[in-house]
């Protein structure tokens, strides 16, 4: 059973890493090598089980560190431009940059291939409560391939922050909530998008 799993995983790894030289430096390659690392680690574990059972695999089975190193190199070579309109103190930009940094991407570089265009809008909640102000924040962000002009990952939300006795204070609270939401939500969305780039055949 474990031998069959190793063979199946080796086929998957070969399929994932079978790319042209041009393809090996793109964002698709990042996702492929990331997945290949997972399957390589699985095979290493299965190989250890076979050794324990007294039926070792005939070929050496390494961990996925080589694949991880490759996708880190690809990520470092793919800067992501982040343009934010109506930011406050760079907080929204920092939240998105942190999400990309979690995958090894740099949010810098001249004329980047991929750009995240972000627009931030705030407005007063018209449902007035005596002595309390509330504010809304709307975030819209599109990750775009500048070569093809295709939107790769659209993202957006709006939320109402907690109340405050001044409108600037209410806007600041709403802004803080929006930044926190980007921090815990956007990275997961980016992970899902990258997973979709992996070939299914």
Protein backbone atom coordinates (compact mmCIF):
# COMPACT_ATOMS: atom_id res chain seq x y z
CA UNK A 1 0.00 0.00 0.00
CA UNK A 2 2.76 2.46 0.95
CA UNK A 3 4.76 1.55 -2.15
CA UNK A 4 1.75 2.32 -4.31
CA UNK A 5 1.31 5.67 -2.57
CA UNK A 6 4.94 6.53 -3.18
CA UNK A 7 4.64 5.69 -6.87
CA UNK A 8 1.44 7.74 -7.21
CA UNK A 9 3.04 10.70 -5.45
CA UNK A 10 6.13 10.46 -7.64
CA UNK A 11 3.89 10.67 -10.70
CA UNK A 12 2.21 13.75 -9.22
CA UNK A 13 5.58 15.37 -8.48
CA UNK A 14 6.79 14.71 -12.02
CA UNK A 15 3.61 16.24 -13.42
CA UNK A 16 3.92 19.28 -11.16
CA UNK A 17 7.55 19.96 -12.04
CA UNK A 18 7.26 19.22 -15.78
CA UNK A 19 7.49 22.80 -17.07
CA UNK A 20 9.27 24.72 -19.79
CA UNK A 21 12.14 27.00 -18.80
CA UNK A 22 9.87 30.02 -19.26
CA UNK A 23 7.18 28.53 -17.03
CA UNK A 24 9.63 27.80 -14.20
CA UNK A 25 9.82 31.44 -13.12
CA UNK A 26 6.12 32.35 -13.04
CA UNK A 27 3.56 32.48 -10.29
CA UNK A 28 2.15 29.16 -11.52
CA UNK A 29 5.55 27.54 -10.88
CA UNK A 30 5.48 28.91 -7.34
CA UNK A 31 2.25 27.02 -6.67
CA UNK A 32 3.53 23.85 -8.39
CA UNK A 33 6.75 23.66 -6.36
CA UNK A 34 4.87 24.44 -3.17
CA UNK A 35 2.61 21.47 -3.78
CA UNK A 36 5.49 19.22 -4.90
CA UNK A 37 7.19 19.87 -1.55
CA UNK A 38 4.12 18.53 0.26
CA UNK A 39 4.06 15.31 -1.79
CA UNK A 40 7.82 14.84 -1.35
CA UNK A 41 7.42 15.10 2.43
CA UNK A 42 4.62 12.54 2.28
CA UNK A 43 6.85 10.14 0.35
CA UNK A 44 9.66 10.58 2.86
CA UNK A 45 7.27 9.57 5.64
CA UNK A 46 6.02 6.56 3.67
CA UNK A 47 9.64 5.55 3.04
CA UNK A 48 10.35 5.60 6.77
CA UNK A 49 7.32 3.37 7.35
CA UNK A 50 8.61 0.90 4.76
CA UNK A 51 12.01 0.81 6.50
CA UNK A 52 10.26 0.16 9.81
CA UNK A 53 8.30 -2.69 8.18
CA UNK A 54 11.51 -4.19 6.77
CA UNK A 55 10.72 -3.42 3.13
CA UNK A 56 12.72 -0.25 2.34
CA UNK A 57 12.14 1.67 -0.89
CA UNK A 58 14.85 0.93 -3.45
CA UNK A 59 15.53 4.63 -4.23
CA UNK A 60 16.41 7.41 -1.77
CA UNK A 61 13.41 9.54 -0.82
CA UNK A 62 14.29 13.08 0.18
CA UNK A 63 12.15 15.61 1.95
CA UNK A 64 10.58 18.50 0.05
CA UNK A 65 13.16 21.09 1.10
CA UNK A 66 14.58 21.35 -2.41
CA UNK A 67 11.15 22.22 -3.78
CA UNK A 68 10.56 24.67 -0.92
CA UNK A 69 13.84 26.39 -1.69
CA UNK A 70 12.81 26.69 -5.34
CA UNK A 71 9.43 28.30 -4.61
CA UNK A 72 11.09 30.71 -2.20
CA UNK A 73 13.48 31.74 -4.98
CA UNK A 74 10.56 32.22 -7.37
CA UNK A 75 8.65 34.29 -4.81
CA UNK A 76 11.64 36.56 -4.19
CA UNK A 77 11.92 37.12 -7.94
CA UNK A 78 8.25 38.15 -8.31
CA UNK A 79 7.68 41.55 -6.68
CA UNK A 80 4.08 42.58 -6.09
CA UNK A 81 3.26 46.26 -6.48
CA UNK A 82 0.72 47.57 -3.98
CA UNK A 83 -1.07 50.83 -4.73
CA UNK A 84 -3.50 52.05 -2.07
CA UNK A 85 -5.73 55.08 -2.46
CA UNK A 86 -6.97 56.84 0.69
CA UNK A 87 -4.77 54.85 3.07
CA UNK A 88 -4.06 56.14 6.57
CA UNK A 89 -0.49 55.89 7.74
CA UNK A 90 0.17 53.01 5.35
CA UNK A 91 -1.89 50.64 7.48
CA UNK A 92 -3.87 49.05 4.64
CA UNK A 93 -0.75 48.72 2.50
CA UNK A 94 1.07 47.11 5.42
CA UNK A 95 -1.72 44.58 5.96
CA UNK A 96 -1.67 43.47 2.33
CA UNK A 97 2.14 43.48 2.22
CA UNK A 98 2.16 41.21 5.27
CA UNK A 99 -0.12 38.71 3.52
CA UNK A 100 2.18 38.55 0.48
CA UNK A 101 5.28 38.36 2.68
CA UNK A 102 3.80 35.28 4.33
CA UNK A 103 4.33 33.49 1.01
CA UNK A 104 7.76 35.01 0.41
CA UNK A 105 6.69 37.65 -2.12
CA UNK A 106 8.25 41.11 -2.01
CA UNK A 107 5.89 44.08 -2.17
CA UNK A 108 8.31 46.32 -4.06
CA UNK A 109 10.15 46.69 -7.34
CA UNK A 110 10.00 48.85 -10.44
CA UNK A 111 7.41 47.95 -13.09
CA UNK A 112 6.21 44.79 -11.32
CA UNK A 113 4.41 42.12 -13.32
CA UNK A 114 1.69 41.85 -10.66
CA UNK A 115 -0.01 44.83 -9.03
CA UNK A 116 -2.58 45.02 -6.25
CA UNK A 117 -4.74 48.10 -6.74
CA UNK A 118 -6.59 49.01 -3.57
CA UNK A 119 -9.23 51.65 -3.00
CA UNK A 120 -10.39 52.67 0.48
CA UNK A 121 -13.58 54.64 1.09
CA UNK A 122 -14.99 55.81 4.42
CA UNK A 123 -18.33 57.44 5.14
CA UNK A 124 -20.49 58.39 8.07
CA UNK A 125 -23.32 56.10 9.10
CA UNK A 126 -26.50 58.09 8.62
CA UNK A 127 -28.43 56.04 11.19
CA UNK A 128 -27.70 58.49 13.95
CA UNK A 129 -27.53 57.61 17.62
CA UNK A 130 -27.58 60.64 19.92
CA UNK A 131 -24.05 61.43 21.08
CA UNK A 132 -22.46 58.53 19.13
CA UNK A 133 -20.84 58.52 15.70
CA UNK A 134 -20.38 55.44 13.49
CA UNK A 135 -18.39 55.12 10.27
CA UNK A 136 -18.19 52.65 7.41
CA UNK A 137 -15.09 51.51 5.58
CA UNK A 138 -15.13 49.90 2.14
CA UNK A 139 -12.09 48.06 0.77
CA UNK A 140 -11.82 46.97 -2.87
CA UNK A 141 -8.62 45.31 -4.06
CA UNK A 142 -7.78 43.68 -7.38
CA UNK A 143 -4.60 41.67 -7.96
CA UNK A 144 -3.82 42.23 -11.64
CA UNK A 145 -1.40 40.76 -14.16
CA UNK A 146 -0.07 43.86 -15.90
CA UNK A 147 0.98 41.85 -18.97
CA UNK A 148 -2.45 40.44 -19.70
CA UNK A 149 -4.48 43.08 -17.81
CA UNK A 150 -6.42 40.22 -16.25
CA UNK A 151 -7.75 40.53 -12.70
CA UNK A 152 -6.41 37.41 -10.98
CA UNK A 153 -7.90 37.83 -7.52
CA UNK A 154 -10.69 40.31 -6.75
CA UNK A 155 -11.29 41.08 -3.10
CA UNK A 156 -13.46 43.46 -1.17
CA UNK A 157 -15.72 44.08 1.79
CA UNK A 158 -17.33 46.84 3.80
CA UNK A 159 -17.90 47.08 7.51
CA UNK A 160 -19.19 49.46 10.16
CA UNK A 161 -16.86 50.15 13.04
CA UNK A 162 -17.62 50.65 16.69
CA UNK A 163 -19.19 53.85 17.89
CA UNK A 164 -17.23 56.88 19.09
CA UNK A 165 -18.22 60.32 20.33
CA UNK A 166 -16.45 61.97 17.35
CA UNK A 167 -16.60 61.12 13.65
CA UNK A 168 -12.78 61.01 13.24
CA UNK A 169 -12.62 58.60 16.15
CA UNK A 170 -15.34 56.41 14.62
CA UNK A 171 -13.52 56.41 11.28
CA UNK A 172 -10.29 55.37 12.99
CA UNK A 173 -12.01 52.48 14.77
CA UNK A 174 -13.58 51.29 11.52
CA UNK A 175 -10.23 51.60 9.77
CA UNK A 176 -8.56 49.49 12.46
CA UNK A 177 -11.23 46.79 12.06
CA UNK A 178 -10.69 46.76 8.29
CA UNK A 179 -6.92 46.39 8.66
CA UNK A 180 -7.37 43.49 11.08
CA UNK A 181 -9.81 41.76 8.72
CA UNK A 182 -7.33 42.02 5.84
CA UNK A 183 -4.69 40.52 8.11
CA UNK A 184 -6.61 37.38 8.95
CA UNK A 185 -8.59 36.96 5.71
CA UNK A 186 -6.51 37.93 2.67
CA UNK A 187 -3.71 35.41 3.23
CA UNK A 188 -6.22 32.55 3.16
CA UNK A 189 -7.76 33.88 -0.06
CA UNK A 190 -4.31 34.14 -1.62
CA UNK A 191 -3.54 30.56 -0.59
CA UNK A 192 -6.78 29.35 -2.22
CA UNK A 193 -5.94 31.24 -5.42
CA UNK A 194 -2.44 29.75 -5.61
CA UNK A 195 -3.87 26.27 -5.04
CA UNK A 196 -6.12 26.73 -8.07
CA UNK A 197 -3.05 27.23 -10.27
CA UNK A 198 -1.94 23.64 -9.69
CA UNK A 199 -2.78 21.33 -12.62
CA UNK A 200 -5.45 18.75 -11.83
CA UNK A 201 -4.52 16.11 -14.37
